[in-house]
Amino acid sequence: MSPNRPIGIDAAYCTGQLQDVIADPKAFSEELGLSLSAVYNYLNGRIPTLDVMFRIAQFCDRPIESFLVRQPRDGGTG
């Protein structure tokens, strides 16, 4: 990827990453203080707002970018 090329958010990738970390939507919603319907919306393709995504990333101890942007594989160009 060119260093000057803007990076877009990959909604399908974000949804997949959230599905990987949310094993129990009810417990997850309670732990983060989110409504259960919001969590189901995220699991079905809605991208959380920045403040919610930040809380999710901190809770999972992952950088926020790891949920939003598919990372290039080692040795590859993307």
C-alpha atoms as a PDB file:
ATOM      1  CA  MET A   1       0.000   0.000   0.000  1.00  0.00           C
ATOM      2  CA  SER A   2       1.295   3.427  -0.882  1.00  0.00           C
ATOM      3  CA  PRO A   3       2.098   5.577   2.172  1.00  0.00           C
ATOM      4  CA  ASN A   4       0.099   8.462   0.653  1.00  0.00           C
ATOM      5  CA  ARG A   5      -2.986   6.408  -0.148  1.00  0.00           C
ATOM      6  CA  PRO A   6      -5.868   6.959   2.304  1.00  0.00           C
ATOM      7  CA  ILE A   7      -6.869   3.936   4.338  1.00  0.00           C
ATOM      8  CA  GLY A   8     -10.546   3.051   4.288  1.00  0.00           C
ATOM      9  CA  ILE A   9     -12.494   1.268   6.971  1.00  0.00           C
ATOM     10  CA  ASP A  10     -13.433  -2.249   5.926  1.00  0.00           C
ATOM     11  CA  ALA A  11     -16.962  -2.709   7.340  1.00  0.00           C
ATOM     12  CA  ALA A  12     -17.078  -6.454   6.662  1.00  0.00           C
ATOM     13  CA  TYR A  13     -13.685  -6.922   8.313  1.00  0.00           C
ATOM     14  CA  CYS A  14     -14.792  -4.855  11.323  1.00  0.00           C
ATOM     15  CA  THR A  15     -17.911  -6.985  11.704  1.00  0.00           C
ATOM     16  CA  GLY A  16     -15.825 -10.162  11.531  1.00  0.00           C
ATOM     17  CA  GLN A  17     -13.402  -8.895  14.158  1.00  0.00           C
ATOM     18  CA  LEU A  18     -16.262  -7.987  16.478  1.00  0.00           C
ATOM     19  CA  GLN A  19     -17.843 -11.399  15.946  1.00  0.00           C
ATOM     20  CA  ASP A  20     -14.517 -12.967  16.925  1.00  0.00           C
ATOM     21  CA  VAL A  21     -14.332 -11.131  20.267  1.00  0.00           C
ATOM     22  CA  ILE A  22     -18.014 -11.118  21.263  1.00  0.00           C
ATOM     23  CA  ALA A  23     -18.798 -14.654  22.336  1.00  0.00           C
ATOM     24  CA  ASP A  24     -21.698 -13.662  24.611  1.00  0.00           C
ATOM     25  CA  PRO A  25     -23.467 -10.506  23.410  1.00  0.00           C
ATOM     26  CA  LYS A  26     -25.454 -10.059  26.637  1.00  0.00           C
ATOM     27  CA  ALA A  27     -22.399 -10.291  28.900  1.00  0.00           C
ATOM     28  CA  PHE A  28     -20.404  -8.086  26.522  1.00  0.00           C
ATOM     29  CA  SER A  29     -23.109  -5.414  26.485  1.00  0.00           C
ATOM     30  CA  GLU A  30     -23.332  -5.419  30.282  1.00  0.00           C
ATOM     31  CA  GLU A  31     -19.544  -5.297  30.731  1.00  0.00           C
ATOM     32  CA  LEU A  32     -19.187  -2.293  28.422  1.00  0.00           C
ATOM     33  CA  GLY A  33     -22.417  -0.535  29.375  1.00  0.00           C
ATOM     34  CA  LEU A  34     -23.927  -0.894  25.900  1.00  0.00           C
ATOM     35  CA  SER A  35     -27.455  -1.853  25.007  1.00  0.00           C
ATOM     36  CA  LEU A  36     -27.897  -5.407  23.808  1.00  0.00           C
ATOM     37  CA  SER A  37     -29.544  -4.124  20.623  1.00  0.00           C
ATOM     38  CA  ALA A  38     -26.467  -1.971  19.891  1.00  0.00           C
ATOM     39  CA  VAL A  39     -24.190  -4.999  20.260  1.00  0.00           C
ATOM     40  CA  TYR A  40     -26.393  -7.003  17.882  1.00  0.00           C
ATOM     41  CA  ASN A  41     -26.281  -4.091  15.427  1.00  0.00           C
ATOM     42  CA  TYR A  42     -22.464  -4.222  15.542  1.00  0.00           C
ATOM     43  CA  LEU A  43     -22.526  -7.984  15.006  1.00  0.00           C
ATOM     44  CA  ASN A  44     -24.745  -7.447  11.972  1.00  0.00           C
ATOM     45  CA  GLY A  45     -22.608  -4.886  10.187  1.00  0.00           C
ATOM     46  CA  ARG A  46     -22.995  -1.498  11.840  1.00  0.00           C
ATOM     47  CA  ILE A  47     -19.656   0.084  12.700  1.00  0.00           C
ATOM     48  CA  PRO A  48     -19.610   1.398  16.280  1.00  0.00           C
ATOM     49  CA  THR A  49     -19.068   5.101  16.881  1.00  0.00           C
ATOM     50  CA  LEU A  50     -15.522   6.143  17.689  1.00  0.00           C
ATOM     51  CA  ASP A  51     -16.098   6.336  21.450  1.00  0.00           C
ATOM     52  CA  VAL A  52     -17.670   2.877  21.538  1.00  0.00           C
ATOM     53  CA  MET A  53     -14.981   1.413  19.281  1.00  0.00           C
ATOM     54  CA  PHE A  54     -12.348   2.893  21.593  1.00  0.00           C
ATOM     55  CA  ARG A  55     -13.976   1.225  24.627  1.00  0.00           C
ATOM     56  CA  ILE A  56     -14.181  -2.105  22.794  1.00  0.00           C
ATOM     57  CA  ALA A  57     -10.531  -1.913  21.760  1.00  0.00           C
ATOM     58  CA  GLN A  58      -9.418  -1.076  25.301  1.00  0.00           C
ATOM     59  CA  PHE A  59     -11.565  -3.866  26.743  1.00  0.00           C
ATOM     60  CA  CYS A  60     -10.004  -6.348  24.297  1.00  0.00           C
ATOM     61  CA  ASP A  61      -6.498  -4.917  24.803  1.00  0.00           C
ATOM     62  CA  ARG A  62      -6.095  -4.376  21.066  1.00  0.00           C
ATOM     63  CA  PRO A  63      -5.337  -1.298  18.982  1.00  0.00           C
ATOM     64  CA  ILE A  64      -8.482   0.231  17.539  1.00  0.00           C
ATOM     65  CA  GLU A  65      -7.048  -0.135  14.013  1.00  0.00           C
ATOM     66  CA  SER A  66      -7.028  -3.922  14.392  1.00  0.00           C
ATOM     67  CA  PHE A  67     -10.834  -3.858  14.269  1.00  0.00           C
ATOM     68  CA  LEU A  68     -11.174  -1.441  11.379  1.00  0.00           C
ATOM     69  CA  VAL A  69      -8.422  -2.014   8.841  1.00  0.00           C
ATOM     70  CA  ARG A  70      -7.238  -5.299   7.418  1.00  0.00           C
ATOM     71  CA  GLN A  71      -3.497  -5.480   8.036  1.00  0.00           C
ATOM     72  CA  PRO A  72      -1.166  -6.523   5.180  1.00  0.00           C
ATOM     73  CA  ARG A  73       0.396  -9.931   5.579  1.00  0.00           C
ATOM     74  CA  ASP A  74       4.125 -10.169   6.296  1.00  0.00           C
ATOM     75  CA  GLY A  75       6.129 -10.090   3.111  1.00  0.00           C
ATOM     76  CA  GLY A  76       3.138  -9.026   1.044  1.00  0.00           C
ATOM     77  CA  THR A  77       1.805  -5.779  -0.272  1.00  0.00           C
ATOM     78  CA  GLY A  78      -1.698  -6.175   1.063  1.00  0.00           C
END
